[in-house]
N, C-alpha and C. Protein backbone atom coordinates (compact mmCIF):
# COMPACT_ATOMS: atom_id res chain seq x y z
N MET A 1 67.85 1.87 -46.76
CA MET A 1 67.86 2.04 -45.59
C MET A 1 66.62 1.19 -44.27
N ALA A 2 67.64 0.97 -42.77
CA ALA A 2 66.23 0.02 -42.36
C ALA A 2 65.99 1.07 -41.33
N GLN A 3 64.12 0.61 -40.95
CA GLN A 3 63.29 2.16 -40.57
C GLN A 3 63.37 1.29 -39.47
N GLY A 4 63.95 2.82 -38.34
CA GLY A 4 63.19 2.39 -36.59
C GLY A 4 62.05 1.95 -36.24
N ASN A 5 61.98 1.82 -34.78
CA ASN A 5 60.18 1.59 -34.37
C ASN A 5 59.75 3.27 -34.94
N LEU A 6 58.60 2.92 -34.01
CA LEU A 6 57.97 4.79 -34.88
C LEU A 6 57.78 5.21 -33.11
N LYS A 7 58.04 6.03 -33.11
CA LYS A 7 58.01 6.93 -31.14
C LYS A 7 57.00 7.33 -31.46
N LEU A 8 55.19 6.94 -31.19
CA LEU A 8 54.11 7.48 -30.98
C LEU A 8 53.92 7.52 -29.96
N LYS A 9 53.15 8.99 -30.10
CA LYS A 9 53.36 10.12 -28.18
C LYS A 9 51.60 8.59 -27.57
N ASN A 10 52.34 8.96 -26.71
CA ASN A 10 51.18 8.04 -25.89
C ASN A 10 50.08 9.15 -25.51
N LYS A 11 48.53 8.20 -25.44
CA LYS A 11 47.53 8.78 -26.18
C LYS A 11 47.27 9.51 -24.89
N ALA A 12 46.05 10.59 -24.27
CA ALA A 12 45.59 10.86 -23.14
C ALA A 12 44.74 9.88 -22.58
N PRO A 13 44.66 9.80 -21.13
CA PRO A 13 43.41 8.76 -20.81
C PRO A 13 42.46 10.11 -21.07
N ALA A 14 41.65 8.80 -20.97
CA ALA A 14 40.28 8.55 -21.30
C ALA A 14 38.82 9.44 -20.05
N ARG A 15 38.51 10.62 -21.45
CA ARG A 15 37.62 11.25 -19.44
C ARG A 15 37.17 9.92 -18.63
N VAL A 16 36.65 10.84 -17.43
CA VAL A 16 36.33 9.72 -16.09
C VAL A 16 35.40 10.67 -15.99
N THR A 17 34.57 10.30 -16.83
CA THR A 17 32.84 11.12 -15.62
C THR A 17 32.57 9.97 -14.92
N LYS A 18 31.51 11.32 -13.93
CA LYS A 18 31.31 10.87 -13.33
C LYS A 18 30.31 10.35 -13.15
N LYS A 19 29.52 9.25 -12.26
CA LYS A 19 27.93 8.84 -12.75
C LYS A 19 27.32 9.46 -11.81
N GLN A 20 25.84 9.51 -12.43
CA GLN A 20 25.39 10.90 -11.71
C GLN A 20 24.11 10.30 -10.38
N ILE A 21 23.57 11.31 -9.74
CA ILE A 21 22.92 11.20 -8.03
C ILE A 21 21.97 11.59 -8.61
N ASN A 22 21.42 11.15 -8.04
CA ASN A 22 20.01 11.72 -8.02
C ASN A 22 19.98 12.35 -6.68
N PRO A 23 19.82 13.93 -6.58
CA PRO A 23 19.35 13.91 -4.81
C PRO A 23 17.95 13.22 -4.68
N LYS A 24 18.46 12.42 -3.54
CA LYS A 24 17.37 12.47 -2.28
C LYS A 24 16.05 12.78 -2.37
N LYS A 25 14.96 12.56 -2.43
CA LYS A 25 13.69 13.18 -1.69
C LYS A 25 13.44 13.63 -0.50
N ALA A 26 13.16 14.55 0.06
CA ALA A 26 12.95 14.85 0.57
C ALA A 26 11.63 14.04 1.91
N SER A 27 12.00 13.83 2.97
CA SER A 27 11.01 12.69 4.01
C SER A 27 11.25 13.68 5.46
N PRO A 28 10.26 13.16 5.75
CA PRO A 28 10.29 13.33 7.23
C PRO A 28 10.92 12.94 7.85
N ARG A 29 12.45 13.50 8.89
CA ARG A 29 13.19 13.02 9.65
C ARG A 29 12.74 12.16 10.38
N VAL A 30 13.09 10.88 10.82
CA VAL A 30 13.14 10.57 12.15
C VAL A 30 14.30 10.48 13.13
N TYR A 31 14.03 10.65 14.20
CA TYR A 31 14.64 10.50 14.63
C TYR A 31 14.49 9.34 16.11
N LYS A 32 15.71 8.68 16.10
CA LYS A 32 15.64 7.34 16.88
C LYS A 32 16.00 7.13 18.50
N PRO A 33 15.37 6.62 19.50
CA PRO A 33 15.97 7.32 20.89
C PRO A 33 17.10 5.79 21.28
N LYS A 34 17.53 6.29 21.75
CA LYS A 34 18.81 5.72 22.06
C LYS A 34 18.98 4.72 22.88
N LYS A 35 17.87 4.74 24.13
CA LYS A 35 17.48 3.71 25.08
C LYS A 35 16.32 2.77 24.71
N GLY A 36 16.14 1.69 24.92
CA GLY A 36 15.06 0.02 24.57
C GLY A 36 14.23 0.79 24.88
N ASP A 37 13.88 0.89 26.18
CA ASP A 37 12.76 1.68 26.49
C ASP A 37 12.45 2.98 26.22
N LEU A 38 12.40 3.92 25.85
CA LEU A 38 12.30 4.55 25.44
C LEU A 38 11.58 4.57 23.65
N THR A 39 12.17 3.58 23.22
CA THR A 39 11.75 2.67 22.09
C THR A 39 10.55 2.00 22.19
N ALA A 40 10.18 1.18 23.36
CA ALA A 40 8.27 0.74 23.86
C ALA A 40 7.73 1.35 24.33
N ASN A 41 7.95 2.93 25.29
CA ASN A 41 7.38 4.07 25.01
C ASN A 41 6.77 5.06 23.21
N LEU A 42 7.71 5.04 22.76
CA LEU A 42 7.71 5.17 21.12
C LEU A 42 6.38 4.67 20.27
N ALA A 43 6.55 2.99 20.39
CA ALA A 43 5.93 2.13 20.61
C ALA A 43 4.76 2.38 20.23
N LYS A 44 4.61 2.75 22.24
CA LYS A 44 3.07 2.36 22.30
C LYS A 44 2.46 3.61 22.38
N THR A 45 2.75 4.87 21.61
CA THR A 45 2.35 5.62 21.51
C THR A 45 1.50 6.38 20.65
N HIS A 46 2.54 5.24 19.45
CA HIS A 46 1.84 5.42 18.31
C HIS A 46 1.07 4.75 17.80
N HIS A 47 1.12 3.84 18.53
CA HIS A 47 0.21 2.26 18.28
C HIS A 47 -1.61 2.67 19.15
N SER A 48 -0.71 3.69 20.02
CA SER A 48 -2.35 4.18 20.26
C SER A 48 -3.32 5.10 20.53
N LYS A 49 -2.56 5.98 19.50
CA LYS A 49 -2.83 6.75 18.18
C LYS A 49 -3.22 6.35 16.77
N LEU A 50 -2.69 5.03 16.29
CA LEU A 50 -3.06 4.70 14.92
C LEU A 50 -4.75 3.71 15.72
N VAL A 51 -4.74 3.16 17.30
CA VAL A 51 -6.11 3.33 17.04
C VAL A 51 -7.17 3.80 17.67
N VAL A 52 -6.85 4.87 18.02
CA VAL A 52 -8.02 6.48 18.28
C VAL A 52 -8.24 6.60 17.35
N ASP A 53 -7.51 6.65 15.89
CA ASP A 53 -7.66 7.20 14.62
C ASP A 53 -8.34 6.45 13.24
N THR A 54 -8.12 5.31 14.10
CA THR A 54 -9.21 3.92 13.19
C THR A 54 -10.20 4.14 13.76
N GLU A 55 -10.45 4.08 14.72
CA GLU A 55 -11.64 3.82 15.84
C GLU A 55 -13.10 5.71 15.76
N LYS A 56 -12.02 6.74 15.69
CA LYS A 56 -12.78 7.35 14.41
C LYS A 56 -13.47 7.78 12.94
N LEU A 57 -12.69 6.23 12.41
CA LEU A 57 -12.99 6.40 10.91
C LEU A 57 -14.60 5.81 11.40
N VAL A 58 -14.06 4.89 11.98
CA VAL A 58 -14.52 3.70 11.86
C VAL A 58 -16.01 3.73 12.62
N SER A 59 -16.29 4.79 13.92
CA SER A 59 -17.75 5.42 14.25
C SER A 59 -17.88 6.16 12.90
N SER A 60 -17.04 7.26 12.39
CA SER A 60 -17.81 8.11 11.52
C SER A 60 -18.51 8.06 10.28
N ARG A 61 -18.21 6.56 9.77
CA ARG A 61 -18.12 5.85 8.56
C ARG A 61 -20.04 5.43 9.54
N VAL A 62 -19.41 4.17 10.51
CA VAL A 62 -21.30 3.44 10.82
C VAL A 62 -21.37 4.20 12.65
N GLY A 63 -22.58 4.60 11.90
CA GLY A 63 -22.88 5.45 12.58
C GLY A 63 -23.93 4.50 14.36
N HIS A 64 -24.44 3.59 14.20
CA HIS A 64 -24.44 2.42 15.38
C HIS A 64 -23.99 2.02 16.48
N LEU A 65 -22.49 2.32 16.01
CA LEU A 65 -21.30 1.60 17.27
C LEU A 65 -20.79 1.84 18.35
N GLU A 66 -20.33 2.00 18.89
CA GLU A 66 -20.70 2.12 20.68
C GLU A 66 -19.74 3.17 20.38
N LEU A 67 -18.39 3.24 19.64
CA LEU A 67 -17.06 4.17 19.42
C LEU A 67 -18.15 5.93 19.24
N LEU A 68 -17.32 6.63 20.41
CA LEU A 68 -17.44 8.30 20.29
C LEU A 68 -17.43 8.71 18.87
N LYS A 69 -17.41 9.63 18.37
CA LYS A 69 -17.77 10.41 16.66
C LYS A 69 -16.55 11.68 17.54
N GLY A 70 -15.58 11.85 17.44
CA GLY A 70 -14.66 12.65 17.90
C GLY A 70 -14.49 12.57 18.76
N SER A 71 -13.79 13.25 19.51
CA SER A 71 -12.85 13.85 20.28
C SER A 71 -14.01 14.67 21.01
N ARG A 72 -13.31 14.15 22.88
CA ARG A 72 -13.89 15.21 23.71
C ARG A 72 -14.43 15.94 23.35
N ARG A 73 -13.07 17.25 23.50
CA ARG A 73 -13.67 18.33 23.32
C ARG A 73 -14.16 18.93 21.55
N GLN A 74 -15.07 18.51 21.03
CA GLN A 74 -14.84 18.35 19.56
C GLN A 74 -17.03 17.87 20.05
N LEU A 75 -16.67 16.67 20.77
CA LEU A 75 -18.27 16.47 21.34
C LEU A 75 -18.99 18.20 22.23
N GLU A 76 -17.73 18.51 23.21
CA GLU A 76 -18.18 19.53 24.38
C GLU A 76 -18.81 20.53 23.07
N LYS A 77 -17.69 21.11 21.74
CA LYS A 77 -18.51 22.99 21.00
C LYS A 77 -19.33 21.65 20.46
N ALA A 78 -19.75 20.55 20.15
CA ALA A 78 -20.95 20.48 18.76
C ALA A 78 -22.52 20.55 20.21
N ASN A 79 -21.94 19.85 21.77
CA ASN A 79 -23.10 20.23 22.94
C ASN A 79 -23.34 21.15 22.72
N LYS A 80 -23.10 22.68 22.44
CA LYS A 80 -22.74 23.99 23.22
C LYS A 80 -23.14 24.07 21.94
N LYS A 81 -23.07 23.73 20.93
CA LYS A 81 -23.94 24.47 19.19
C LYS A 81 -25.09 24.24 19.75
N LYS A 82 -25.54 23.24 20.10
CA LYS A 82 -27.25 22.73 20.18
C LYS A 82 -27.58 23.98 21.39
């Protein structure tokens, strides 16, 4: 007796797994100005702050420089204590 084709069941599709997404670490949010002149102003302010901090750091390490040690308020506070 001739045997017909076997009627095999279709296999269930393989389970699709999601890619692992590592959560993004929290970082300070940056608010970008929408206008060009504001961008320039922000950069100027940021740059001046960096310069002031660098001068303060250098002047605190080396005493003979002509830079002021600290801000005006810090100097006035030191003078009041004396």
